[in-house]
Amino acid sequence: MQLMNSAFSGPSSPTPGPSPPRPPLWPPLDFGLGALACCGACVFTNPLEVVKTRLQLQGELRARGSYRRLYRGVLQALWVVGRTDGLRGLQKGLTAALLYQGLMNGLRLGSYAQMQAAGVTDGPCCSLIAGAAAGALGAFIASPAYLVKTHLQAQTVAAIAVGHQHNHQGMSSALVSIYRREGVCGLWRGVNGAVPRVMVGSATQLATFSSAKDWITHTQWFSPLSSLNTLCAAVMSGVAVSIIMTPFDVISTRLYNQPVDQFKQGRLYCGFVDCLLKVCAAEGVLGLYKGMTPVFVRLAPHTTLSMLLWDVLRQRALPYTH
């Protein structure tokens, strides 16, 4: 199944049919283009990531109604952060976010493209399995960047602070501080929440986007040349990913941001299952869906921008590699 047909090209005949297989690119180039595309999308969607992190940490392990809600929705949260921290506050953790997007999505999209070119994704459920495997690889390698990103995006002035405040000075100082305090393993703390999160999100996104794009193109709702095919597929994919991935996203954020004790163990959660049970017990099942609105609002444009940029970059590179 083709991951994404070009938003600017389509079949020359009005009769729908399967897209021809795309020839593989040189693997390092494919990985680099995937990283570049997602970094470009990240610059525009990072403010929503900041808001999502704050919403997910708000009222941590406290029953609904027992805490002051500083953030009440996407627009209000954006306004509060912008008013208090300034415009730079809306781009907190951008350097770490770009590093994470480059590593994780470069590996994820590049690996998936290579598996797709090799025909691994053609069988039943193979697209889901390949997407999950590619996501797991990317999430593990990029976990230290996501750890630092979460710390930086959570920290702010006391008046609007939620969750534990790590008070790092920047990405480099955060990496050095965590390494000195917890060692190499500390840089991968929380990875047991990140890998399931990205596996589920990657499998859902790649499979639903690909299927939705093919279906919309074949039904000919829009001209084959129209970018509306990509936009509609991205929205469908964004809805599916938001519903399925948000609980994993909440758990991942909590595991990454929790403080550690003198034994280098998390003070709030022992792992993925422990976090899941504690959140459900203290905050109810709806606690797992905190920040779902910014997750969706971020995913739709991020999916559109990253997939569109990746596809265009790959098309431009093909004449030079074949």
C-alpha atoms as a PDB file:
ATOM      1  CA  MET A   1       0.000   0.000   0.000  1.00  0.00           C
ATOM      2  CA  GLN A   2       1.416   3.321  -0.923  1.00  0.00           C
ATOM      3  CA  LEU A   3       2.199   5.501   2.092  1.00  0.00           C
ATOM      4  CA  MET A   4       1.235   8.649   0.297  1.00  0.00           C
ATOM      5  CA  ASN A   5       0.455   9.482  -3.286  1.00  0.00           C
ATOM      6  CA  SER A   6       1.633  12.919  -4.281  1.00  0.00           C
ATOM      7  CA  ALA A   7      -0.679  15.799  -3.489  1.00  0.00           C
ATOM      8  CA  PHE A   8       0.259  17.247  -6.847  1.00  0.00           C
ATOM      9  CA  SER A   9      -0.014  14.248  -9.128  1.00  0.00           C
ATOM     10  CA  GLY A  10      -2.610  11.641  -9.913  1.00  0.00           C
ATOM     11  CA  PRO A  11      -3.631   9.111 -12.518  1.00  0.00           C
ATOM     12  CA  SER A  12      -3.764  10.472 -16.046  1.00  0.00           C
ATOM     13  CA  SER A  13      -7.024   8.604 -16.643  1.00  0.00           C
ATOM     14  CA  PRO A  14     -10.249   9.212 -14.729  1.00  0.00           C
ATOM     15  CA  THR A  15     -10.477   5.468 -14.110  1.00  0.00           C
ATOM     16  CA  PRO A  16      -9.188   4.784 -10.601  1.00  0.00           C
ATOM     17  CA  GLY A  17      -6.562   2.156 -10.162  1.00  0.00           C
ATOM     18  CA  PRO A  18      -3.711   1.181  -7.894  1.00  0.00           C
ATOM     19  CA  SER A  19      -0.735   3.531  -7.785  1.00  0.00           C
ATOM     20  CA  PRO A  20       2.504   2.176  -9.243  1.00  0.00           C
ATOM     21  CA  PRO A  21       5.105   1.236  -6.629  1.00  0.00           C
ATOM     22  CA  ARG A  22       7.529   4.018  -5.813  1.00  0.00           C
ATOM     23  CA  PRO A  23      11.198   3.123  -6.319  1.00  0.00           C
ATOM     24  CA  PRO A  24      13.243   3.239  -3.100  1.00  0.00           C
ATOM     25  CA  LEU A  25      15.587   6.111  -2.374  1.00  0.00           C
ATOM     26  CA  TRP A  26      19.103   5.750  -1.012  1.00  0.00           C
ATOM     27  CA  PRO A  27      18.316   4.893   2.670  1.00  0.00           C
ATOM     28  CA  PRO A  28      20.338   7.728   4.317  1.00  0.00           C
ATOM     29  CA  LEU A  29      18.663  10.222   1.981  1.00  0.00           C
ATOM     30  CA  ASP A  30      15.215   8.786   2.738  1.00  0.00           C
ATOM     31  CA  PHE A  31      15.874   9.062   6.475  1.00  0.00           C
ATOM     32  CA  GLY A  32      17.147  12.616   6.065  1.00  0.00           C
ATOM     33  CA  LEU A  33      14.137  13.732   4.043  1.00  0.00           C
ATOM     34  CA  GLY A  34      11.764  12.268   6.638  1.00  0.00           C
ATOM     35  CA  ALA A  35      13.594  14.155   9.386  1.00  0.00           C
ATOM     36  CA  LEU A  36      13.599  17.427   7.416  1.00  0.00           C
ATOM     37  CA  ALA A  37       9.892  17.207   6.623  1.00  0.00           C
ATOM     38  CA  CYS A  38       8.832  16.597  10.229  1.00  0.00           C
ATOM     39  CA  CYS A  39      11.166  19.277  11.597  1.00  0.00           C
ATOM     40  CA  GLY A  40       9.542  21.759   9.225  1.00  0.00           C
ATOM     41  CA  ALA A  41       6.099  20.802  10.517  1.00  0.00           C
ATOM     42  CA  CYS A  42       7.300  20.924  14.141  1.00  0.00           C
ATOM     43  CA  VAL A  43       8.187  24.622  13.949  1.00  0.00           C
ATOM     44  CA  PHE A  44       4.525  25.460  13.311  1.00  0.00           C
ATOM     45  CA  THR A  45       2.932  22.973  15.734  1.00  0.00           C
ATOM     46  CA  ASN A  46       5.273  23.258  18.756  1.00  0.00           C
ATOM     47  CA  PRO A  47       3.055  25.819  20.595  1.00  0.00           C
ATOM     48  CA  LEU A  48       0.278  23.225  20.609  1.00  0.00           C
ATOM     49  CA  GLU A  49       2.732  20.689  22.027  1.00  0.00           C
ATOM     50  CA  VAL A  50       3.531  23.101  24.872  1.00  0.00           C
ATOM     51  CA  VAL A  51      -0.172  23.516  25.644  1.00  0.00           C
ATOM     52  CA  LYS A  52      -0.800  19.756  25.405  1.00  0.00           C
ATOM     53  CA  THR A  53       1.985  19.048  27.914  1.00  0.00           C
ATOM     54  CA  ARG A  54       0.589  21.581  30.413  1.00  0.00           C
ATOM     55  CA  LEU A  55      -2.969  20.217  30.097  1.00  0.00           C
ATOM     56  CA  GLN A  56      -1.787  16.648  30.619  1.00  0.00           C
ATOM     57  CA  LEU A  57       0.163  17.541  33.765  1.00  0.00           C
ATOM     58  CA  GLN A  58      -2.580  19.721  35.251  1.00  0.00           C
ATOM     59  CA  GLY A  59      -4.250  18.097  38.278  1.00  0.00           C
ATOM     60  CA  GLU A  60      -1.827  15.170  38.294  1.00  0.00           C
ATOM     61  CA  LEU A  61      -3.188  12.336  40.493  1.00  0.00           C
ATOM     62  CA  ARG A  62      -5.906  14.609  41.884  1.00  0.00           C
ATOM     63  CA  ALA A  63      -9.647  14.104  41.571  1.00  0.00           C
ATOM     64  CA  ARG A  64     -11.614  16.341  39.234  1.00  0.00           C
ATOM     65  CA  GLY A  65     -12.690  19.534  40.986  1.00  0.00           C
ATOM     66  CA  SER A  66     -10.044  19.287  43.723  1.00  0.00           C
ATOM     67  CA  TYR A  67      -7.493  21.531  42.039  1.00  0.00           C
ATOM     68  CA  ARG A  68      -7.383  24.930  40.393  1.00  0.00           C
ATOM     69  CA  ARG A  69      -7.630  24.721  36.624  1.00  0.00           C
ATOM     70  CA  LEU A  70      -5.068  27.144  35.236  1.00  0.00           C
ATOM     71  CA  TYR A  71      -5.575  25.904  31.687  1.00  0.00           C
ATOM     72  CA  ARG A  72      -9.154  25.464  30.456  1.00  0.00           C
ATOM     73  CA  GLY A  73      -8.734  24.753  26.772  1.00  0.00           C
ATOM     74  CA  VAL A  74      -6.445  25.191  23.791  1.00  0.00           C
ATOM     75  CA  LEU A  75      -7.108  28.861  23.018  1.00  0.00           C
ATOM     76  CA  GLN A  76      -7.202  29.950  26.659  1.00  0.00           C
ATOM     77  CA  ALA A  77      -3.994  28.015  27.377  1.00  0.00           C
ATOM     78  CA  LEU A  78      -2.221  29.571  24.395  1.00  0.00           C
ATOM     79  CA  TRP A  79      -3.295  33.014  25.632  1.00  0.00           C
ATOM     80  CA  VAL A  80      -2.163  32.312  29.231  1.00  0.00           C
ATOM     81  CA  VAL A  81       1.242  31.023  28.132  1.00  0.00           C
ATOM     82  CA  GLY A  82       1.737  33.873  25.652  1.00  0.00           C
ATOM     83  CA  ARG A  83       0.681  36.522  28.183  1.00  0.00           C
ATOM     84  CA  THR A  84       2.854  35.130  30.996  1.00  0.00           C
ATOM     85  CA  ASP A  85       5.923  33.729  29.233  1.00  0.00           C
ATOM     86  CA  GLY A  86       5.790  35.831  26.065  1.00  0.00           C
ATOM     87  CA  LEU A  87       5.900  34.573  22.506  1.00  0.00           C
ATOM     88  CA  ARG A  88       9.114  32.677  23.244  1.00  0.00           C
ATOM     89  CA  GLY A  89       7.187  30.748  25.888  1.00  0.00           C
ATOM     90  CA  LEU A  90       4.988  29.285  23.153  1.00  0.00           C
ATOM     91  CA  GLN A  91       8.104  27.797  21.562  1.00  0.00           C
ATOM     92  CA  LYS A  92       9.592  26.326  24.719  1.00  0.00           C
ATOM     93  CA  GLY A  93      11.593  23.195  24.127  1.00  0.00           C
ATOM     94  CA  LEU A  94      11.728  23.824  20.370  1.00  0.00           C
ATOM     95  CA  THR A  95      15.374  22.756  20.017  1.00  0.00           C
ATOM     96  CA  ALA A  96      14.722  19.478  21.840  1.00  0.00           C
ATOM     97  CA  ALA A  97      11.491  19.028  19.881  1.00  0.00           C
ATOM     98  CA  LEU A  98      13.349  19.469  16.580  1.00  0.00           C
ATOM     99  CA  LEU A  99      16.001  16.971  17.669  1.00  0.00           C
ATOM    100  CA  TYR A 100      13.274  14.515  18.653  1.00  0.00           C
ATOM    101  CA  GLN A 101      11.358  14.984  15.396  1.00  0.00           C
ATOM    102  CA  GLY A 102      14.522  14.610  13.354  1.00  0.00           C
ATOM    103  CA  LEU A 103      15.647  11.430  15.083  1.00  0.00           C
ATOM    104  CA  MET A 104      12.297   9.772  15.682  1.00  0.00           C
ATOM    105  CA  ASN A 105      10.517  10.592  12.450  1.00  0.00           C
ATOM    106  CA  GLY A 106      13.633  10.310  10.312  1.00  0.00           C
ATOM    107  CA  LEU A 107      14.001   6.733  11.525  1.00  0.00           C
ATOM    108  CA  ARG A 108      10.252   6.056  11.532  1.00  0.00           C
ATOM    109  CA  LEU A 109       9.409   7.356   8.058  1.00  0.00           C
ATOM    110  CA  GLY A 110      12.687   6.229   6.539  1.00  0.00           C
ATOM    111  CA  SER A 111      12.319   2.691   7.933  1.00  0.00           C
ATOM    112  CA  TYR A 112       8.693   2.480   6.828  1.00  0.00           C
ATOM    113  CA  ALA A 113       9.564   3.674   3.322  1.00  0.00           C
ATOM    114  CA  GLN A 114      12.288   1.044   3.010  1.00  0.00           C
ATOM    115  CA  MET A 115       9.934  -1.692   4.235  1.00  0.00           C
ATOM    116  CA  GLN A 116       7.287  -0.435   1.818  1.00  0.00           C
ATOM    117  CA  ALA A 117       9.722  -0.503  -1.101  1.00  0.00           C
ATOM    118  CA  ALA A 118      10.694  -4.062  -0.145  1.00  0.00           C
ATOM    119  CA  GLY A 119       7.047  -5.142  -0.211  1.00  0.00           C
ATOM    120  CA  VAL A 120       6.887  -5.834   3.532  1.00  0.00           C
ATOM    121  CA  THR A 121       3.710  -3.744   3.946  1.00  0.00           C
ATOM    122  CA  ASP A 122       1.681  -5.504   1.245  1.00  0.00           C
ATOM    123  CA  GLY A 123       0.139  -8.361   3.249  1.00  0.00           C
ATOM    124  CA  PRO A 124      -2.857  -8.259   5.625  1.00  0.00           C
ATOM    125  CA  CYS A 125      -2.121  -6.119   8.716  1.00  0.00           C
ATOM    126  CA  CYS A 126       1.474  -5.773   7.511  1.00  0.00           C
ATOM    127  CA  SER A 127       1.102  -2.003   7.207  1.00  0.00           C
ATOM    128  CA  LEU A 128       0.119  -1.781  10.892  1.00  0.00           C
ATOM    129  CA  ILE A 129       2.965  -4.053  11.994  1.00  0.00           C
ATOM    130  CA  ALA A 130       5.531  -2.196   9.897  1.00  0.00           C
ATOM    131  CA  GLY A 131       4.310   1.165  11.189  1.00  0.00           C
ATOM    132  CA  ALA A 132       4.499  -0.047  14.794  1.00  0.00           C
ATOM    133  CA  ALA A 133       8.000  -1.489  14.328  1.00  0.00           C
ATOM    134  CA  ALA A 134       9.261   1.696  12.657  1.00  0.00           C
ATOM    135  CA  GLY A 135       7.718   3.773  15.445  1.00  0.00           C
ATOM    136  CA  ALA A 136       9.268   1.645  18.201  1.00  0.00           C
ATOM    137  CA  LEU A 137      12.742   2.040  16.683  1.00  0.00           C
ATOM    138  CA  GLY A 138      12.387   5.802  16.352  1.00  0.00           C
ATOM    139  CA  ALA A 139      10.902   6.251  19.839  1.00  0.00           C
ATOM    140  CA  PHE A 140      13.692   4.307  21.551  1.00  0.00           C
ATOM    141  CA  ILE A 141      16.544   6.134  19.811  1.00  0.00           C
ATOM    142  CA  ALA A 142      14.987   9.583  20.305  1.00  0.00           C
ATOM    143  CA  SER A 143      13.785   9.067  23.891  1.00  0.00           C
ATOM    144  CA  PRO A 144      16.374  11.378  25.559  1.00  0.00           C
ATOM    145  CA  ALA A 145      15.267  14.257  23.321  1.00  0.00           C
ATOM    146  CA  TYR A 146      11.602  13.691  24.246  1.00  0.00           C
ATOM    147  CA  LEU A 147      12.528  13.547  27.945  1.00  0.00           C
ATOM    148  CA  VAL A 148      14.215  16.946  27.769  1.00  0.00           C
ATOM    149  CA  LYS A 149      11.456  18.386  25.584  1.00  0.00           C
ATOM    150  CA  THR A 150       8.840  17.436  28.186  1.00  0.00           C
ATOM    151  CA  HIS A 151      10.866  18.950  31.031  1.00  0.00           C
ATOM    152  CA  LEU A 152      11.416  22.225  29.174  1.00  0.00           C
ATOM    153  CA  GLN A 153       7.819  22.572  27.991  1.00  0.00           C
ATOM    154  CA  ALA A 154       6.443  21.925  31.482  1.00  0.00           C
ATOM    155  CA  GLN A 155       8.604  24.445  33.302  1.00  0.00           C
ATOM    156  CA  THR A 156       7.381  28.013  33.680  1.00  0.00           C
ATOM    157  CA  VAL A 157       6.837  30.691  36.332  1.00  0.00           C
ATOM    158  CA  ALA A 158       5.162  29.586  39.560  1.00  0.00           C
ATOM    159  CA  ALA A 159       1.907  31.405  38.786  1.00  0.00           C
ATOM    160  CA  ILE A 160       0.996  29.033  35.951  1.00  0.00           C
ATOM    161  CA  ALA A 161       3.185  26.012  36.771  1.00  0.00           C
ATOM    162  CA  VAL A 162       1.730  22.485  36.650  1.00  0.00           C
ATOM    163  CA  GLY A 163       3.526  19.227  37.310  1.00  0.00           C
ATOM    164  CA  HIS A 164       7.072  18.904  38.628  1.00  0.00           C
ATOM    165  CA  GLN A 165       9.414  21.762  37.688  1.00  0.00           C
ATOM    166  CA  HIS A 166      12.912  20.648  36.696  1.00  0.00           C
ATOM    167  CA  ASN A 167      14.301  24.163  36.120  1.00  0.00           C
ATOM    168  CA  HIS A 168      16.747  23.381  33.314  1.00  0.00           C
ATOM    169  CA  GLN A 169      18.531  26.225  31.547  1.00  0.00           C
ATOM    170  CA  GLY A 170      18.280  24.673  28.109  1.00  0.00           C
ATOM    171  CA  MET A 171      18.587  21.437  26.173  1.00  0.00           C
ATOM    172  CA  SER A 172      22.349  20.977  26.607  1.00  0.00           C
ATOM    173  CA  SER A 173      22.328  21.751  30.317  1.00  0.00           C
ATOM    174  CA  ALA A 174      19.333  19.436  30.768  1.00  0.00           C
ATOM    175  CA  LEU A 175      21.120  16.511  29.096  1.00  0.00           C
ATOM    176  CA  VAL A 176      24.265  17.118  31.161  1.00  0.00           C
ATOM    177  CA  SER A 177      22.292  17.527  34.401  1.00  0.00           C
ATOM    178  CA  ILE A 178      20.276  14.331  33.875  1.00  0.00           C
ATOM    179  CA  TYR A 179      23.406  12.367  32.937  1.00  0.00           C
ATOM    180  CA  ARG A 180      25.325  13.553  36.008  1.00  0.00           C
ATOM    181  CA  ARG A 181      22.418  12.847  38.343  1.00  0.00           C
ATOM    182  CA  GLU A 182      21.101   9.570  36.917  1.00  0.00           C
ATOM    183  CA  GLY A 183      23.697   8.266  34.476  1.00  0.00           C
ATOM    184  CA  VAL A 184      23.066   6.971  30.955  1.00  0.00           C
ATOM    185  CA  CYS A 185      19.962   5.057  32.025  1.00  0.00           C
ATOM    186  CA  GLY A 186      18.465   8.307  33.273  1.00  0.00           C
ATOM    187  CA  LEU A 187      18.438   9.666  29.734  1.00  0.00           C
ATOM    188  CA  TRP A 188      16.124   6.808  28.756  1.00  0.00           C
ATOM    189  CA  ARG A 189      13.844   7.145  31.806  1.00  0.00           C
ATOM    190  CA  GLY A 190      10.244   7.030  30.601  1.00  0.00           C
ATOM    191  CA  VAL A 191      11.050   5.094  27.438  1.00  0.00           C
ATOM    192  CA  ASN A 192       8.695   2.331  28.631  1.00  0.00           C
ATOM    193  CA  GLY A 193       5.880   4.808  28.066  1.00  0.00           C
ATOM    194  CA  ALA A 194       7.248   6.340  24.884  1.00  0.00           C
ATOM    195  CA  VAL A 195       7.670   3.142  22.887  1.00  0.00           C
ATOM    196  CA  PRO A 196       4.040   1.958  23.260  1.00  0.00           C
ATOM    197  CA  ARG A 197       2.859   5.515  22.577  1.00  0.00           C
ATOM    198  CA  VAL A 198       4.737   5.851  19.303  1.00  0.00           C
ATOM    199  CA  MET A 199       4.056   2.260  18.249  1.00  0.00           C
ATOM    200  CA  VAL A 200       0.313   2.800  18.582  1.00  0.00           C
ATOM    201  CA  GLY A 201       0.412   6.291  17.088  1.00  0.00           C
ATOM    202  CA  SER A 202       2.715   5.350  14.220  1.00  0.00           C
ATOM    203  CA  ALA A 203       0.774   2.231  13.269  1.00  0.00           C
ATOM    204  CA  THR A 204      -2.520   4.125  13.385  1.00  0.00           C
ATOM    205  CA  GLN A 205      -1.238   7.198  11.530  1.00  0.00           C
ATOM    206  CA  LEU A 206       0.602   5.435   8.730  1.00  0.00           C
ATOM    207  CA  ALA A 207      -2.097   2.829   8.159  1.00  0.00           C
ATOM    208  CA  THR A 208      -5.103   5.182   8.347  1.00  0.00           C
ATOM    209  CA  PHE A 209      -3.445   7.965   6.346  1.00  0.00           C
ATOM    210  CA  SER A 210      -2.406   5.570   3.610  1.00  0.00           C
ATOM    211  CA  SER A 211      -5.794   3.844   3.459  1.00  0.00           C
ATOM    212  CA  ALA A 212      -7.773   7.089   3.638  1.00  0.00           C
ATOM    213  CA  LYS A 213      -5.636   8.715   0.936  1.00  0.00           C
ATOM    214  CA  ASP A 214      -6.080   5.771  -1.430  1.00  0.00           C
ATOM    215  CA  TRP A 215      -9.827   5.598  -0.740  1.00  0.00           C
ATOM    216  CA  ILE A 216     -10.398   9.342  -1.251  1.00  0.00           C
ATOM    217  CA  THR A 217      -8.336   9.342  -4.437  1.00  0.00           C
ATOM    218  CA  HIS A 218     -10.190   6.330  -5.855  1.00  0.00           C
ATOM    219  CA  THR A 219     -13.624   7.739  -4.997  1.00  0.00           C
ATOM    220  CA  GLN A 220     -12.632  10.904  -6.937  1.00  0.00           C
ATOM    221  CA  TRP A 221     -14.253  13.348  -4.547  1.00  0.00           C
ATOM    222  CA  PHE A 222     -11.704  15.895  -5.719  1.00  0.00           C
ATOM    223  CA  SER A 223      -9.459  16.287  -8.724  1.00  0.00           C
ATOM    224  CA  PRO A 224      -6.503  13.892  -8.653  1.00  0.00           C
ATOM    225  CA  LEU A 225      -4.296  16.994  -8.679  1.00  0.00           C
ATOM    226  CA  SER A 226      -6.000  18.542  -5.636  1.00  0.00           C
ATOM    227  CA  SER A 227      -4.219  18.773  -2.303  1.00  0.00           C
ATOM    228  CA  LEU A 228      -7.655  18.353  -0.681  1.00  0.00           C
ATOM    229  CA  ASN A 229      -7.106  14.595  -1.005  1.00  0.00           C
ATOM    230  CA  THR A 230      -4.135  14.903   1.346  1.00  0.00           C
ATOM    231  CA  LEU A 231      -5.940  17.303   3.685  1.00  0.00           C
ATOM    232  CA  CYS A 232      -8.988  15.036   4.115  1.00  0.00           C
ATOM    233  CA  ALA A 233      -6.805  11.981   4.663  1.00  0.00           C
ATOM    234  CA  ALA A 234      -4.777  13.887   7.279  1.00  0.00           C
ATOM    235  CA  VAL A 235      -7.932  14.922   9.151  1.00  0.00           C
ATOM    236  CA  MET A 236      -9.235  11.327   9.162  1.00  0.00           C
ATOM    237  CA  SER A 237      -5.860  10.098  10.349  1.00  0.00           C
ATOM    238  CA  GLY A 238      -5.702  12.835  12.985  1.00  0.00           C
ATOM    239  CA  VAL A 239      -9.073  11.838  14.452  1.00  0.00           C
ATOM    240  CA  ALA A 240      -8.093   8.171  14.648  1.00  0.00           C
ATOM    241  CA  VAL A 241      -4.678   8.873  16.167  1.00  0.00           C
ATOM    242  CA  SER A 242      -6.078  11.369  18.704  1.00  0.00           C
ATOM    243  CA  ILE A 243      -8.640   8.895  20.043  1.00  0.00           C
ATOM    244  CA  ILE A 244      -6.274   5.936  20.182  1.00  0.00           C
ATOM    245  CA  MET A 245      -3.007   7.618  21.193  1.00  0.00           C
ATOM    246  CA  THR A 246      -4.062  10.245  23.776  1.00  0.00           C
ATOM    247  CA  PRO A 247      -4.096   7.818  26.767  1.00  0.00           C
ATOM    248  CA  PHE A 248      -0.609   6.625  25.821  1.00  0.00           C
ATOM    249  CA  ASP A 249       0.457  10.249  25.391  1.00  0.00           C
ATOM    250  CA  VAL A 250      -0.762  11.206  28.882  1.00  0.00           C
ATOM    251  CA  ILE A 251       1.064   8.259  30.469  1.00  0.00           C
ATOM    252  CA  SER A 252       4.233   9.045  28.520  1.00  0.00           C
ATOM    253  CA  THR A 253       4.186  12.709  29.595  1.00  0.00           C
ATOM    254  CA  ARG A 254       3.655  11.747  33.247  1.00  0.00           C
ATOM    255  CA  LEU A 255       6.482   9.182  33.221  1.00  0.00           C
ATOM    256  CA  TYR A 256       8.905  11.602  31.590  1.00  0.00           C
ATOM    257  CA  ASN A 257       8.141  14.564  33.850  1.00  0.00           C
ATOM    258  CA  GLN A 258       7.993  12.850  37.267  1.00  0.00           C
ATOM    259  CA  PRO A 259      10.749  13.633  39.808  1.00  0.00           C
ATOM    260  CA  VAL A 260      13.217  10.946  40.879  1.00  0.00           C
ATOM    261  CA  ASP A 261      14.438   9.930  44.354  1.00  0.00           C
ATOM    262  CA  GLN A 262      17.949   9.329  45.641  1.00  0.00           C
ATOM    263  CA  PHE A 263      17.801   5.802  44.216  1.00  0.00           C
ATOM    264  CA  LYS A 264      17.117   7.181  40.709  1.00  0.00           C
ATOM    265  CA  GLN A 265      13.572   5.800  40.766  1.00  0.00           C
ATOM    266  CA  GLY A 266      10.433   7.717  39.868  1.00  0.00           C
ATOM    267  CA  ARG A 267       8.646   9.143  42.912  1.00  0.00           C
ATOM    268  CA  LEU A 268       5.148   8.919  41.454  1.00  0.00           C
ATOM    269  CA  TYR A 269       5.080   5.934  39.091  1.00  0.00           C
ATOM    270  CA  CYS A 270       6.951   2.636  38.806  1.00  0.00           C
ATOM    271  CA  GLY A 271       6.203   2.147  35.126  1.00  0.00           C
ATOM    272  CA  PHE A 272       3.584   2.161  32.394  1.00  0.00           C
ATOM    273  CA  VAL A 273       0.997  -0.091  34.084  1.00  0.00           C
ATOM    274  CA  ASP A 274       1.440   1.573  37.489  1.00  0.00           C
ATOM    275  CA  CYS A 275       0.888   5.001  35.917  1.00  0.00           C
ATOM    276  CA  LEU A 276      -2.191   3.762  34.057  1.00  0.00           C
ATOM    277  CA  LEU A 277      -3.769   2.353  37.220  1.00  0.00           C
ATOM    278  CA  LYS A 278      -2.953   5.389  39.366  1.00  0.00           C
ATOM    279  CA  VAL A 279      -4.330   7.873  36.834  1.00  0.00           C
ATOM    280  CA  CYS A 280      -7.567   5.890  36.477  1.00  0.00           C
ATOM    281  CA  ALA A 281      -7.927   5.556  40.251  1.00  0.00           C
ATOM    282  CA  ALA A 282      -7.268   9.220  41.077  1.00  0.00           C
ATOM    283  CA  GLU A 283      -8.586  11.060  38.014  1.00  0.00           C
ATOM    284  CA  GLY A 284     -10.972   8.579  36.428  1.00  0.00           C
ATOM    285  CA  VAL A 285     -10.814   7.213  32.899  1.00  0.00           C
ATOM    286  CA  LEU A 286     -11.256  10.726  31.514  1.00  0.00           C
ATOM    287  CA  GLY A 287      -7.913  11.601  33.081  1.00  0.00           C
ATOM    288  CA  LEU A 288      -6.326   9.542  30.309  1.00  0.00           C
ATOM    289  CA  TYR A 289      -7.848  11.921  27.751  1.00  0.00           C
ATOM    290  CA  LYS A 290      -6.489  15.162  29.164  1.00  0.00           C
ATOM    291  CA  GLY A 291      -5.160  17.347  26.378  1.00  0.00           C
ATOM    292  CA  MET A 292      -6.989  15.438  23.646  1.00  0.00           C
ATOM    293  CA  THR A 293      -8.136  18.624  21.878  1.00  0.00           C
ATOM    294  CA  PRO A 294      -4.614  20.033  21.379  1.00  0.00           C
ATOM    295  CA  VAL A 295      -3.451  16.526  20.409  1.00  0.00           C
ATOM    296  CA  PHE A 296      -5.956  16.532  17.558  1.00  0.00           C
ATOM    297  CA  VAL A 297      -5.485  20.214  16.647  1.00  0.00           C
ATOM    298  CA  ARG A 298      -1.740  19.573  16.458  1.00  0.00           C
ATOM    299  CA  LEU A 299      -1.884  16.213  14.685  1.00  0.00           C
ATOM    300  CA  ALA A 300      -4.041  17.268  11.739  1.00  0.00           C
ATOM    301  CA  PRO A 301      -1.746  20.090  10.533  1.00  0.00           C
ATOM    302  CA  HIS A 302       1.396  18.207  11.591  1.00  0.00           C
ATOM    303  CA  THR A 303       0.351  15.117   9.642  1.00  0.00           C
ATOM    304  CA  THR A 304      -0.576  17.226   6.618  1.00  0.00           C
ATOM    305  CA  LEU A 305       2.609  19.297   6.659  1.00  0.00           C
ATOM    306  CA  SER A 306       5.020  16.466   7.418  1.00  0.00           C
ATOM    307  CA  MET A 307       3.528  13.958   4.965  1.00  0.00           C
ATOM    308  CA  LEU A 308       3.158  16.589   2.254  1.00  0.00           C
ATOM    309  CA  LEU A 309       6.707  17.909   2.703  1.00  0.00           C
ATOM    310  CA  TRP A 310       8.126  14.397   2.851  1.00  0.00           C
ATOM    311  CA  ASP A 311       6.345  13.336  -0.321  1.00  0.00           C
ATOM    312  CA  VAL A 312       7.397  16.457  -2.249  1.00  0.00           C
ATOM    313  CA  LEU A 313      11.013  16.162  -1.086  1.00  0.00           C
ATOM    314  CA  ARG A 314      11.124  12.474  -2.084  1.00  0.00           C
ATOM    315  CA  GLN A 315       9.697  13.276  -5.507  1.00  0.00           C
ATOM    316  CA  ARG A 316      12.286  15.985  -6.064  1.00  0.00           C
ATOM    317  CA  ALA A 317      15.060  13.622  -5.009  1.00  0.00           C
ATOM    318  CA  LEU A 318      14.013  10.713  -7.220  1.00  0.00           C
ATOM    319  CA  PRO A 319      15.343  12.124 -10.542  1.00  0.00           C
ATOM    320  CA  TYR A 320      18.783  12.550  -8.963  1.00  0.00           C
ATOM    321  CA  THR A 321      18.933   9.052  -7.472  1.00  0.00           C
ATOM    322  CA  HIS A 322      17.436   6.993 -10.343  1.00  0.00           C
END
